[in-house]
């Protein structure tokens, strides 16, 4: 995973990365997971399918796997959500 290139969706207005928010059981805390895509076109497909009205406010960024840990820590994500199917969407969540 570290040697791969991953694709992220980032807001053009405030620079934040697109993530999933999952509530924890029996608490009011919400865990945030960074959404990762395997291919550039999958990230664009996700944007066009699930955010067609706001897709112009986002861009797709590529990052090497070696930068993932830094992004997760800097933006306070608890893990990653690896998008398997952008249309449904099917997401595999992995905690740190």
Protein backbone atom coordinates (compact mmCIF):
# COMPACT_ATOMS: atom_id res chain seq x y z
CA UNK A 1 0.00 0.00 0.00
CA UNK A 2 2.91 2.36 0.63
CA UNK A 3 4.37 1.94 -2.85
CA UNK A 4 1.06 2.65 -4.59
CA UNK A 5 -0.34 5.96 -5.77
CA UNK A 6 -3.71 6.81 -4.27
CA UNK A 7 -6.30 9.35 -5.31
CA UNK A 8 -8.13 11.68 -2.92
CA UNK A 9 -10.91 14.19 -3.36
CA UNK A 10 -10.12 17.64 -1.97
CA UNK A 11 -12.23 20.76 -1.57
CA UNK A 12 -11.12 23.73 -3.64
CA UNK A 13 -12.62 26.18 -1.14
CA UNK A 14 -11.06 25.11 2.17
CA UNK A 15 -8.56 22.41 1.20
CA UNK A 16 -10.16 19.66 3.29
CA UNK A 17 -10.13 16.07 2.09
CA UNK A 18 -13.35 14.16 1.50
CA UNK A 19 -13.97 11.63 4.21
CA UNK A 20 -16.64 9.43 5.71
CA UNK A 21 -18.01 10.11 9.17
CA UNK A 22 -18.99 7.06 11.22
CA UNK A 23 -20.58 7.36 14.66
CA UNK A 24 -19.14 5.14 17.39
CA UNK A 25 -21.52 2.86 19.25
CA UNK A 26 -22.67 4.04 22.68
CA UNK A 27 -20.86 7.41 22.42
CA UNK A 28 -21.42 10.73 20.76
CA UNK A 29 -17.98 10.64 19.12
CA UNK A 30 -17.79 10.46 15.34
CA UNK A 31 -14.80 8.81 13.66
CA UNK A 32 -13.56 10.29 10.39
CA UNK A 33 -12.07 8.14 7.61
CA UNK A 34 -10.19 9.48 4.61
CA UNK A 35 -11.68 8.21 1.35
CA UNK A 36 -9.07 6.68 -0.98
CA UNK A 37 -9.54 5.69 -4.59
CA UNK A 38 -7.37 3.32 -6.64
CA UNK A 39 -7.73 5.25 -9.89
CA UNK A 40 -8.27 8.87 -10.90
CA UNK A 41 -11.37 8.01 -12.93
CA UNK A 42 -12.94 6.24 -9.90
CA UNK A 43 -12.68 9.42 -7.84
CA UNK A 44 -14.23 11.44 -10.68
CA UNK A 45 -16.99 8.86 -11.05
CA UNK A 46 -17.72 9.08 -7.30
CA UNK A 47 -17.94 12.88 -7.53
CA UNK A 48 -20.17 12.85 -10.58
CA UNK A 49 -22.50 10.21 -9.12
CA UNK A 50 -22.84 11.42 -5.53
CA UNK A 51 -22.05 15.12 -5.80
CA UNK A 52 -23.11 16.17 -9.26
CA UNK A 53 -24.38 19.55 -8.05
CA UNK A 54 -21.15 20.43 -6.26
CA UNK A 55 -18.51 18.51 -8.22
CA UNK A 56 -16.99 21.75 -9.53
CA UNK A 57 -16.00 22.62 -5.93
CA UNK A 58 -13.69 19.60 -5.66
CA UNK A 59 -10.57 18.30 -7.34
CA UNK A 60 -8.83 14.93 -7.44
CA UNK A 61 -5.30 14.71 -6.03
CA UNK A 62 -2.80 11.91 -6.36
CA UNK A 63 -0.49 11.08 -3.46
CA UNK A 64 2.09 8.37 -2.88
CA UNK A 65 1.37 5.90 -0.11
CA UNK A 66 4.30 7.25 1.88
CA UNK A 67 2.36 10.49 2.51
CA UNK A 68 -0.79 8.80 3.83
CA UNK A 69 0.27 8.67 7.46
CA UNK A 70 1.08 12.38 7.53
CA UNK A 71 -2.28 13.33 6.02
CA UNK A 72 -4.17 11.08 8.43
CA UNK A 73 -2.41 12.63 11.42
CA UNK A 74 -2.56 16.24 10.20
CA UNK A 75 -6.28 16.14 9.44
CA UNK A 76 -7.18 13.91 12.43
CA UNK A 77 -8.57 10.93 10.52
CA UNK A 78 -8.97 7.66 12.43
CA UNK A 79 -8.31 5.54 9.34
CA UNK A 80 -8.99 5.16 5.65
CA UNK A 81 -12.03 4.21 3.64
CA UNK A 82 -10.84 2.35 0.55
CA UNK A 83 -13.54 2.81 -2.09
CA UNK A 84 -14.08 -0.50 -3.89
CA UNK A 85 -17.02 0.60 -6.05
CA UNK A 86 -17.63 4.29 -6.63
CA UNK A 87 -21.15 3.94 -8.01
CA UNK A 88 -22.81 1.97 -5.18
CA UNK A 89 -20.58 3.04 -3.12
CA UNK A 90 -18.84 0.06 -1.53
CA UNK A 91 -16.20 1.15 0.97
CA UNK A 92 -13.81 -0.93 3.08
CA UNK A 93 -12.93 0.88 6.32
CA UNK A 94 -9.50 0.36 7.88
CA UNK A 95 -8.57 1.87 11.25
CA UNK A 96 -5.10 2.95 12.24
